[in-house]
Amino acid sequence: MKIKKTLMIGLILIMLVVVSFAPVSITVIAATTDTITIEFDPQGNISIDVSPGTYNFSTFWSYSDESTGGTYFTIWNNGTADNMQTDIQITGSPASLTIDEDSEPTADDNYALYLIGGTASGINAWVKESATIQLDSDLDTTGTETFGFQLYISNITANHTWQSMTLTLTGSQA
C-alpha cells in the first residue's frame, strides 16, 4: 500500500508539472478606445498706459539739447498678460525738420531723439521713424517702467514754427 500511495503522489506531482508547462489558451475579448477633447479659450488682455501724455521742450536754439530726465514718463501694464514687450517709434515727425536716427544731428535743420533707459530695462537708444525700438521686454502685470528723452537739434537755418512729433508705444506679448 505504501508503494501505491507513493506512486499515486508521484503521478499527481508529474501531472502538476506537465500541466504547469502546457500552453494555456485564453480567449481575449476585443479592446476598444475612445477619446476626450478638451477645449479652452485663454484670455489675456494687453493694455498699456503712459503718463504724462505730453512734454514741452519750449524754445530751442541751434546746437542745443534738452532732457526730460530719465524718469519723467511712466508706462504701466494694466493688462492680464505678463512679460509684455513694449516698443516705441516716432509715428509723426516735425514738419520742417529732418530726423537723424542714429546719432546726434550734424546736418542743418535736423533733430534726433534719444531714449533715456528706464528703471527696469535700462535701454538707451535713438528713437526712429523707420523701425520700433524696444523699451521693455518683460513688463509684468501691474509693472511699471519709467523713462525719458533727450532731444538734440542741429544748426537751425530759419525761425521755424512750433514743431511737434508723435511717439507711439505698442504693447505686445513677448
N, C-alpha and C. Protein backbone atom coordinates (compact mmCIF):
# COMPACT_ATOMS: atom_id res chain seq x y z
N MET A 1 0.78 -1.16 0.00
CA MET A 1 0.00 0.00 0.00
C MET A 1 0.84 1.25 0.00
N LYS A 2 1.94 1.11 0.69
CA LYS A 2 2.83 2.25 0.75
C LYS A 2 3.37 2.59 -0.63
N ILE A 3 3.63 1.62 -1.44
CA ILE A 3 4.14 1.84 -2.78
C ILE A 3 3.04 2.47 -3.62
N LYS A 4 1.83 1.98 -3.44
CA LYS A 4 0.73 2.53 -4.20
C LYS A 4 0.53 4.00 -3.87
N LYS A 5 0.59 4.30 -2.59
CA LYS A 5 0.40 5.68 -2.16
C LYS A 5 1.53 6.56 -2.70
N THR A 6 2.76 6.10 -2.66
CA THR A 6 3.90 6.85 -3.16
C THR A 6 3.80 7.02 -4.65
N LEU A 7 3.37 5.96 -5.33
CA LEU A 7 3.20 6.03 -6.77
C LEU A 7 2.11 7.04 -7.14
N MET A 8 1.04 7.04 -6.37
CA MET A 8 -0.05 7.96 -6.63
C MET A 8 0.40 9.41 -6.42
N ILE A 9 1.13 9.68 -5.40
CA ILE A 9 1.62 11.04 -5.15
C ILE A 9 2.60 11.44 -6.25
N GLY A 10 3.43 10.51 -6.65
CA GLY A 10 4.38 10.79 -7.74
C GLY A 10 3.66 11.12 -9.03
N LEU A 11 2.61 10.35 -9.35
CA LEU A 11 1.84 10.62 -10.57
C LEU A 11 1.15 11.99 -10.50
N ILE A 12 0.64 12.32 -9.35
CA ILE A 12 -0.02 13.63 -9.18
C ILE A 12 0.99 14.75 -9.37
N LEU A 13 2.17 14.60 -8.82
CA LEU A 13 3.20 15.62 -8.98
C LEU A 13 3.63 15.75 -10.45
N ILE A 14 3.77 14.64 -11.12
CA ILE A 14 4.14 14.67 -12.53
C ILE A 14 3.06 15.37 -13.33
N MET A 15 1.80 15.08 -13.04
CA MET A 15 0.70 15.72 -13.77
C MET A 15 0.69 17.23 -13.50
N LEU A 16 0.96 17.63 -12.28
CA LEU A 16 1.00 19.07 -11.97
C LEU A 16 2.12 19.77 -12.73
N VAL A 17 3.26 19.11 -12.82
CA VAL A 17 4.39 19.70 -13.55
C VAL A 17 4.05 19.80 -15.03
N VAL A 18 3.49 18.75 -15.59
CA VAL A 18 3.14 18.74 -17.01
C VAL A 18 2.09 19.81 -17.29
N VAL A 19 1.10 19.91 -16.45
CA VAL A 19 0.02 20.88 -16.65
C VAL A 19 0.58 22.31 -16.55
N SER A 20 1.50 22.53 -15.65
CA SER A 20 2.01 23.88 -15.48
C SER A 20 2.83 24.34 -16.69
N PHE A 21 3.42 23.40 -17.43
CA PHE A 21 4.18 23.78 -18.63
C PHE A 21 3.35 23.69 -19.90
N ALA A 22 2.17 23.23 -19.82
CA ALA A 22 1.32 23.11 -21.01
C ALA A 22 0.81 24.50 -21.40
N PRO A 23 0.70 24.76 -22.70
CA PRO A 23 0.20 26.06 -23.12
C PRO A 23 -1.25 26.23 -22.69
N VAL A 24 -1.51 27.46 -22.24
CA VAL A 24 -2.85 27.78 -21.78
C VAL A 24 -3.52 28.62 -22.85
N SER A 25 -4.70 28.30 -23.19
CA SER A 25 -5.43 29.05 -24.19
C SER A 25 -6.40 29.99 -23.47
N ILE A 26 -6.17 31.33 -23.64
CA ILE A 26 -7.03 32.33 -23.03
C ILE A 26 -7.69 33.11 -24.16
N THR A 27 -8.96 33.24 -24.08
CA THR A 27 -9.70 33.99 -25.09
C THR A 27 -9.65 35.47 -24.72
N VAL A 28 -9.15 36.32 -25.65
CA VAL A 28 -9.06 37.77 -25.41
C VAL A 28 -10.28 38.42 -26.03
N ILE A 29 -10.94 39.22 -25.24
CA ILE A 29 -12.09 39.97 -25.75
C ILE A 29 -11.54 41.21 -26.44
N ALA A 30 -12.09 41.58 -27.58
CA ALA A 30 -11.60 42.73 -28.36
C ALA A 30 -11.60 44.00 -27.52
N ALA A 31 -10.50 44.79 -27.60
CA ALA A 31 -10.38 46.05 -26.86
C ALA A 31 -10.92 47.19 -27.70
N THR A 32 -11.31 48.27 -27.05
CA THR A 32 -11.81 49.45 -27.74
C THR A 32 -11.25 50.69 -27.07
N THR A 33 -11.18 51.80 -27.80
CA THR A 33 -10.68 53.05 -27.24
C THR A 33 -11.69 54.15 -27.54
N ASP A 34 -11.57 55.22 -26.81
CA ASP A 34 -12.39 56.41 -27.04
C ASP A 34 -11.55 57.61 -26.64
N THR A 35 -11.96 58.81 -26.99
CA THR A 35 -11.17 60.00 -26.68
C THR A 35 -12.04 61.05 -26.01
N ILE A 36 -11.37 61.95 -25.34
CA ILE A 36 -11.99 63.14 -24.76
C ILE A 36 -11.30 64.34 -25.39
N THR A 37 -12.05 65.32 -25.88
CA THR A 37 -11.48 66.55 -26.40
C THR A 37 -11.73 67.65 -25.37
N ILE A 38 -10.68 68.31 -24.97
CA ILE A 38 -10.78 69.41 -24.02
C ILE A 38 -10.46 70.69 -24.77
N GLU A 39 -11.36 71.64 -24.71
CA GLU A 39 -11.17 72.92 -25.39
C GLU A 39 -11.19 74.03 -24.37
N PHE A 40 -10.44 75.09 -24.65
CA PHE A 40 -10.47 76.27 -23.78
C PHE A 40 -10.01 77.48 -24.58
N ASP A 41 -10.40 78.62 -24.13
CA ASP A 41 -10.08 79.89 -24.79
C ASP A 41 -9.30 80.74 -23.80
N PRO A 42 -7.97 80.74 -23.88
CA PRO A 42 -7.18 81.54 -22.93
C PRO A 42 -7.43 83.03 -23.16
N GLN A 43 -7.72 83.71 -22.11
CA GLN A 43 -7.99 85.14 -22.20
C GLN A 43 -6.83 85.91 -21.62
N GLY A 44 -6.18 86.70 -22.43
CA GLY A 44 -5.11 87.58 -21.99
C GLY A 44 -5.36 88.97 -22.52
N ASN A 45 -5.29 89.91 -21.68
CA ASN A 45 -5.56 91.28 -22.06
C ASN A 45 -4.24 92.05 -22.06
N ILE A 46 -3.93 92.68 -23.17
CA ILE A 46 -2.73 93.50 -23.26
C ILE A 46 -3.19 94.95 -23.26
N SER A 47 -2.75 95.68 -22.26
CA SER A 47 -3.19 97.07 -22.12
C SER A 47 -2.06 97.88 -21.48
N ILE A 48 -1.70 98.99 -22.13
CA ILE A 48 -0.67 99.86 -21.57
C ILE A 48 -1.23 101.28 -21.44
N ASP A 49 -0.69 102.00 -20.49
CA ASP A 49 -0.98 103.42 -20.31
C ASP A 49 0.34 104.12 -20.05
N VAL A 50 0.44 105.36 -20.52
CA VAL A 50 1.64 106.15 -20.27
C VAL A 50 1.21 107.51 -19.73
N SER A 51 2.01 108.01 -18.82
CA SER A 51 1.73 109.32 -18.23
C SER A 51 3.04 110.02 -17.93
N PRO A 52 3.15 111.30 -18.11
CA PRO A 52 2.16 112.17 -18.76
C PRO A 52 2.12 111.91 -20.26
N GLY A 53 1.13 112.46 -20.92
CA GLY A 53 0.94 112.24 -22.35
C GLY A 53 1.60 113.28 -23.23
N THR A 54 2.20 114.31 -22.65
CA THR A 54 2.87 115.36 -23.43
C THR A 54 4.10 115.86 -22.67
N TYR A 55 4.98 116.50 -23.43
CA TYR A 55 6.12 117.21 -22.84
C TYR A 55 6.47 118.36 -23.77
N ASN A 56 6.71 119.52 -23.20
CA ASN A 56 7.05 120.71 -23.98
C ASN A 56 8.49 121.10 -23.68
N PHE A 57 9.36 120.94 -24.68
CA PHE A 57 10.76 121.33 -24.51
C PHE A 57 10.94 122.84 -24.59
N SER A 58 9.92 123.54 -25.04
CA SER A 58 9.91 125.00 -25.17
C SER A 58 10.88 125.47 -26.25
N THR A 59 11.48 126.64 -26.09
CA THR A 59 12.33 127.24 -27.12
C THR A 59 13.66 126.48 -27.23
N PHE A 60 14.04 126.23 -28.49
CA PHE A 60 15.29 125.52 -28.77
C PHE A 60 16.16 126.40 -29.66
N TRP A 61 17.44 126.42 -29.39
CA TRP A 61 18.40 127.17 -30.20
C TRP A 61 19.28 126.20 -30.95
N SER A 62 19.98 126.70 -31.95
CA SER A 62 20.91 125.87 -32.72
C SER A 62 21.89 125.15 -31.79
N TYR A 63 22.23 123.94 -32.19
CA TYR A 63 23.20 123.11 -31.49
C TYR A 63 22.89 122.99 -30.00
N SER A 64 21.66 122.69 -29.69
CA SER A 64 21.32 122.52 -28.28
C SER A 64 20.66 121.16 -28.06
N ASP A 65 20.62 120.80 -26.82
CA ASP A 65 19.91 119.58 -26.45
C ASP A 65 19.29 119.80 -25.08
N GLU A 66 18.17 119.16 -24.88
CA GLU A 66 17.45 119.25 -23.62
C GLU A 66 16.98 117.85 -23.25
N SER A 67 16.82 117.63 -21.96
CA SER A 67 16.42 116.31 -21.48
C SER A 67 15.21 116.41 -20.56
N THR A 68 14.37 115.38 -20.62
CA THR A 68 13.26 115.27 -19.68
C THR A 68 13.74 114.64 -18.37
N GLY A 69 14.94 114.10 -18.40
CA GLY A 69 15.40 113.28 -17.30
C GLY A 69 14.98 111.83 -17.56
N GLY A 70 15.55 110.92 -16.89
CA GLY A 70 15.32 109.51 -17.17
C GLY A 70 14.07 108.91 -16.55
N THR A 71 13.36 109.66 -15.71
CA THR A 71 12.19 109.09 -15.04
C THR A 71 10.95 109.97 -15.19
N TYR A 72 10.88 110.78 -16.24
CA TYR A 72 9.76 111.70 -16.41
C TYR A 72 8.47 110.98 -16.81
N PHE A 73 8.56 110.02 -17.71
CA PHE A 73 7.39 109.29 -18.20
C PHE A 73 7.30 107.94 -17.49
N THR A 74 6.09 107.46 -17.30
CA THR A 74 5.86 106.14 -16.71
C THR A 74 4.89 105.39 -17.60
N ILE A 75 5.23 104.14 -17.89
CA ILE A 75 4.33 103.26 -18.63
C ILE A 75 3.91 102.14 -17.69
N TRP A 76 2.61 101.78 -17.76
CA TRP A 76 2.05 100.71 -16.93
C TRP A 76 1.53 99.60 -17.81
N ASN A 77 1.65 98.38 -17.32
CA ASN A 77 0.99 97.23 -17.93
C ASN A 77 -0.29 97.00 -17.13
N ASN A 78 -1.42 97.47 -17.67
CA ASN A 78 -2.71 97.32 -17.00
C ASN A 78 -3.42 96.05 -17.41
N GLY A 79 -2.81 95.26 -18.25
CA GLY A 79 -3.46 94.05 -18.76
C GLY A 79 -3.29 92.87 -17.84
N THR A 80 -3.65 91.71 -18.37
CA THR A 80 -3.53 90.47 -17.62
C THR A 80 -2.42 89.58 -18.15
N ALA A 81 -1.72 90.05 -19.18
CA ALA A 81 -0.63 89.27 -19.80
C ALA A 81 0.71 89.74 -19.25
N ASP A 82 1.44 88.81 -18.62
CA ASP A 82 2.78 89.12 -18.12
C ASP A 82 3.78 89.10 -19.27
N ASN A 83 4.99 89.52 -18.96
CA ASN A 83 6.11 89.52 -19.91
C ASN A 83 5.76 90.25 -21.19
N MET A 84 5.15 91.40 -21.06
CA MET A 84 4.76 92.17 -22.23
C MET A 84 5.97 92.94 -22.78
N GLN A 85 6.10 92.92 -24.08
CA GLN A 85 7.15 93.70 -24.74
C GLN A 85 6.55 95.06 -25.12
N THR A 86 7.28 96.12 -24.84
CA THR A 86 6.83 97.46 -25.17
C THR A 86 7.82 98.09 -26.13
N ASP A 87 7.32 98.54 -27.27
CA ASP A 87 8.15 99.17 -28.29
C ASP A 87 7.73 100.63 -28.44
N ILE A 88 8.65 101.44 -28.96
CA ILE A 88 8.37 102.86 -29.17
C ILE A 88 8.87 103.26 -30.54
N GLN A 89 8.15 104.15 -31.20
CA GLN A 89 8.52 104.60 -32.54
C GLN A 89 7.95 106.00 -32.77
N ILE A 90 8.68 106.81 -33.52
CA ILE A 90 8.15 108.11 -33.94
C ILE A 90 7.20 107.84 -35.10
N THR A 91 5.94 108.23 -34.94
CA THR A 91 4.96 107.99 -35.99
C THR A 91 4.46 109.31 -36.60
N GLY A 92 4.89 110.41 -36.08
CA GLY A 92 4.55 111.71 -36.66
C GLY A 92 5.70 112.66 -36.40
N SER A 93 6.37 113.12 -37.46
CA SER A 93 7.58 113.93 -37.32
C SER A 93 7.28 115.41 -37.43
N PRO A 94 8.18 116.23 -36.90
CA PRO A 94 8.06 117.67 -37.12
C PRO A 94 8.05 117.98 -38.62
N ALA A 95 7.24 118.94 -39.00
CA ALA A 95 7.03 119.24 -40.42
C ALA A 95 8.26 119.79 -41.12
N SER A 96 9.04 120.64 -40.46
CA SER A 96 10.13 121.28 -41.19
C SER A 96 11.52 120.85 -40.76
N LEU A 97 11.62 119.81 -39.99
CA LEU A 97 12.93 119.29 -39.60
C LEU A 97 13.06 117.84 -40.06
N THR A 98 14.29 117.38 -40.19
CA THR A 98 14.56 116.01 -40.63
C THR A 98 15.16 115.24 -39.46
N ILE A 99 14.71 114.01 -39.30
CA ILE A 99 15.22 113.19 -38.20
C ILE A 99 16.56 112.57 -38.58
N ASP A 100 17.44 112.52 -37.60
CA ASP A 100 18.69 111.78 -37.71
C ASP A 100 18.52 110.61 -36.74
N GLU A 101 18.44 109.40 -37.24
CA GLU A 101 18.02 108.26 -36.42
C GLU A 101 19.12 107.55 -35.66
N ASP A 102 20.38 107.83 -35.94
CA ASP A 102 21.43 107.02 -35.33
C ASP A 102 22.50 107.81 -34.58
N SER A 103 22.35 109.11 -34.50
CA SER A 103 23.36 109.89 -33.78
C SER A 103 22.87 111.30 -33.58
N GLU A 104 23.67 112.08 -32.87
CA GLU A 104 23.35 113.49 -32.75
C GLU A 104 23.36 114.09 -34.16
N PRO A 105 22.44 115.00 -34.45
CA PRO A 105 22.34 115.55 -35.80
C PRO A 105 23.51 116.47 -36.13
N THR A 106 23.97 116.39 -37.38
CA THR A 106 25.05 117.27 -37.83
C THR A 106 24.62 118.15 -38.99
N ALA A 107 23.68 117.68 -39.81
CA ALA A 107 23.21 118.48 -40.95
C ALA A 107 22.27 119.56 -40.45
N ASP A 108 22.18 120.66 -41.20
CA ASP A 108 21.29 121.77 -40.83
C ASP A 108 19.85 121.29 -40.73
N ASP A 109 19.12 121.87 -39.79
CA ASP A 109 17.69 121.63 -39.59
C ASP A 109 17.35 120.15 -39.36
N ASN A 110 18.20 119.48 -38.63
CA ASN A 110 17.96 118.09 -38.25
C ASN A 110 17.74 118.01 -36.75
N TYR A 111 17.08 116.95 -36.34
CA TYR A 111 16.91 116.68 -34.92
C TYR A 111 17.10 115.19 -34.68
N ALA A 112 17.29 114.84 -33.44
CA ALA A 112 17.36 113.43 -33.03
C ALA A 112 16.75 113.32 -31.64
N LEU A 113 16.14 112.19 -31.40
CA LEU A 113 15.52 111.94 -30.11
C LEU A 113 16.13 110.67 -29.53
N TYR A 114 16.65 110.79 -28.33
CA TYR A 114 17.34 109.67 -27.68
C TYR A 114 16.51 109.21 -26.48
N LEU A 115 16.25 107.90 -26.42
CA LEU A 115 15.53 107.32 -25.29
C LEU A 115 16.50 107.12 -24.14
N ILE A 116 16.16 107.70 -23.01
CA ILE A 116 16.95 107.51 -21.79
C ILE A 116 16.32 106.35 -21.06
N GLY A 117 17.06 105.27 -20.98
CA GLY A 117 16.54 103.99 -20.50
C GLY A 117 15.81 104.04 -19.19
N GLY A 118 14.90 103.13 -19.08
CA GLY A 118 14.03 103.08 -17.93
C GLY A 118 14.66 102.44 -16.71
N THR A 119 13.90 102.51 -15.65
CA THR A 119 14.36 101.97 -14.38
C THR A 119 14.48 100.46 -14.42
N ALA A 120 13.61 99.80 -15.17
CA ALA A 120 13.65 98.33 -15.23
C ALA A 120 14.55 97.83 -16.35
N SER A 121 14.41 98.40 -17.55
CA SER A 121 15.13 97.86 -18.70
C SER A 121 16.52 98.46 -18.87
N GLY A 122 16.69 99.72 -18.53
CA GLY A 122 17.98 100.38 -18.73
C GLY A 122 18.36 100.54 -20.18
N ILE A 123 17.39 100.44 -21.09
CA ILE A 123 17.68 100.53 -22.52
C ILE A 123 17.85 101.99 -22.92
N ASN A 124 18.93 102.29 -23.62
CA ASN A 124 19.18 103.60 -24.19
C ASN A 124 19.33 103.43 -25.69
N ALA A 125 18.62 104.24 -26.47
CA ALA A 125 18.68 104.06 -27.93
C ALA A 125 18.12 105.29 -28.63
N TRP A 126 18.52 105.44 -29.88
CA TRP A 126 17.97 106.50 -30.72
C TRP A 126 16.58 106.09 -31.18
N VAL A 127 15.60 106.95 -30.96
CA VAL A 127 14.23 106.68 -31.38
C VAL A 127 14.14 106.91 -32.88
N LYS A 128 13.46 106.02 -33.58
CA LYS A 128 13.47 106.03 -35.03
C LYS A 128 12.06 106.19 -35.61
N GLU A 129 12.01 106.62 -36.86
CA GLU A 129 10.78 106.57 -37.65
C GLU A 129 10.74 105.27 -38.45
N SER A 130 11.89 104.79 -38.82
CA SER A 130 11.98 103.65 -39.73
C SER A 130 11.72 102.31 -39.05
N ALA A 131 11.80 102.26 -37.73
CA ALA A 131 11.62 100.99 -37.02
C ALA A 131 11.31 101.27 -35.56
N THR A 132 10.69 100.28 -34.92
CA THR A 132 10.45 100.42 -33.48
C THR A 132 11.72 100.04 -32.73
N ILE A 133 11.85 100.58 -31.54
CA ILE A 133 12.91 100.14 -30.63
C ILE A 133 12.23 99.60 -29.38
N GLN A 134 12.88 98.70 -28.73
CA GLN A 134 12.31 98.05 -27.56
C GLN A 134 12.57 98.88 -26.32
N LEU A 135 11.48 99.27 -25.66
CA LEU A 135 11.59 99.99 -24.39
C LEU A 135 11.73 99.00 -23.24
N ASP A 136 10.95 97.93 -23.28
CA ASP A 136 10.98 96.92 -22.22
C ASP A 136 10.62 95.58 -22.85
N SER A 137 11.25 94.51 -22.41
CA SER A 137 10.98 93.20 -23.00
C SER A 137 10.15 92.30 -22.10
N ASP A 138 9.94 92.69 -20.85
CA ASP A 138 9.19 91.79 -19.95
C ASP A 138 8.44 92.57 -18.88
N LEU A 139 7.57 93.48 -19.32
CA LEU A 139 6.79 94.28 -18.39
C LEU A 139 5.64 93.43 -17.86
N ASP A 140 5.72 93.09 -16.57
CA ASP A 140 4.71 92.23 -15.97
C ASP A 140 3.43 93.00 -15.63
N THR A 141 2.37 92.26 -15.37
CA THR A 141 1.12 92.90 -14.99
C THR A 141 1.33 93.74 -13.75
N THR A 142 0.71 94.87 -13.75
CA THR A 142 0.83 95.90 -12.72
C THR A 142 2.27 96.43 -12.61
N GLY A 143 3.13 96.04 -13.54
CA GLY A 143 4.50 96.53 -13.55
C GLY A 143 4.58 97.92 -14.19
N THR A 144 5.62 98.64 -13.88
CA THR A 144 5.83 99.96 -14.46
C THR A 144 7.25 100.08 -14.98
N GLU A 145 7.44 101.03 -15.87
CA GLU A 145 8.76 101.37 -16.42
C GLU A 145 8.79 102.88 -16.53
N THR A 146 9.83 103.50 -16.00
CA THR A 146 9.98 104.95 -16.17
C THR A 146 11.09 105.20 -17.17
N PHE A 147 10.96 106.28 -17.92
CA PHE A 147 11.94 106.60 -18.96
C PHE A 147 11.83 108.07 -19.30
N GLY A 148 12.74 108.52 -20.15
CA GLY A 148 12.73 109.91 -20.58
C GLY A 148 13.37 110.03 -21.95
N PHE A 149 13.53 111.28 -22.39
CA PHE A 149 14.09 111.56 -23.71
C PHE A 149 15.09 112.69 -23.65
N GLN A 150 16.04 112.64 -24.56
CA GLN A 150 16.98 113.74 -24.81
C GLN A 150 16.75 114.17 -26.24
N LEU A 151 16.42 115.44 -26.45
CA LEU A 151 16.17 115.98 -27.79
C LEU A 151 17.39 116.80 -28.21
N TYR A 152 17.89 116.50 -29.41
CA TYR A 152 19.06 117.20 -29.96
C TYR A 152 18.63 117.96 -31.21
N ILE A 153 19.14 119.17 -31.36
CA ILE A 153 18.87 120.00 -32.54
C ILE A 153 20.21 120.43 -33.14
N SER A 154 20.28 120.37 -34.48
CA SER A 154 21.50 120.82 -35.16
C SER A 154 21.38 122.33 -35.42
N ASN A 155 22.15 122.82 -36.40
CA ASN A 155 22.07 124.22 -36.78
C ASN A 155 20.69 124.52 -37.37
N ILE A 156 20.05 125.53 -36.86
CA ILE A 156 18.73 125.95 -37.35
C ILE A 156 18.95 127.11 -38.31
N THR A 157 18.46 126.95 -39.54
CA THR A 157 18.71 127.96 -40.59
C THR A 157 17.59 128.97 -40.72
N ALA A 158 16.48 128.78 -40.02
CA ALA A 158 15.36 129.72 -40.10
C ALA A 158 14.57 129.66 -38.80
N ASN A 159 13.71 130.63 -38.62
CA ASN A 159 12.85 130.64 -37.46
C ASN A 159 11.62 129.80 -37.80
N HIS A 160 11.66 128.52 -37.48
CA HIS A 160 10.58 127.58 -37.81
C HIS A 160 9.38 127.80 -36.88
N THR A 161 8.23 127.37 -37.33
CA THR A 161 7.05 127.39 -36.46
C THR A 161 7.20 126.29 -35.41
N TRP A 162 6.31 126.28 -34.44
CA TRP A 162 6.34 125.23 -33.43
C TRP A 162 6.31 123.87 -34.11
N GLN A 163 7.14 122.99 -33.66
CA GLN A 163 7.24 121.64 -34.20
C GLN A 163 6.71 120.65 -33.16
N SER A 164 6.14 119.56 -33.64
CA SER A 164 5.71 118.51 -32.71
C SER A 164 5.94 117.16 -33.36
N MET A 165 6.04 116.17 -32.54
CA MET A 165 6.17 114.80 -33.04
C MET A 165 5.27 113.90 -32.21
N THR A 166 4.88 112.79 -32.79
CA THR A 166 4.06 111.81 -32.09
C THR A 166 4.88 110.55 -31.89
N LEU A 167 4.87 110.06 -30.69
CA LEU A 167 5.54 108.80 -30.36
C LEU A 167 4.46 107.76 -30.08
N THR A 168 4.58 106.62 -30.71
CA THR A 168 3.60 105.55 -30.49
C THR A 168 4.26 104.43 -29.68
N LEU A 169 3.65 104.09 -28.58
CA LEU A 169 4.10 102.98 -27.75
C LEU A 169 3.17 101.80 -28.02
N THR A 170 3.75 100.65 -28.26
CA THR A 170 2.97 99.45 -28.57
C THR A 170 3.32 98.35 -27.58
N GLY A 171 2.29 97.77 -27.00
CA GLY A 171 2.48 96.64 -26.10
C GLY A 171 2.05 95.36 -26.79
N SER A 172 2.86 94.32 -26.67
CA SER A 172 2.51 93.03 -27.27
C SER A 172 3.08 91.93 -26.38
N GLN A 173 2.54 90.73 -26.54
CA GLN A 173 3.05 89.60 -25.75
C GLN A 173 4.43 89.23 -26.25
N ALA A 174 5.39 89.19 -25.35
CA ALA A 174 6.78 88.89 -25.72
C ALA A 174 6.95 87.44 -26.06
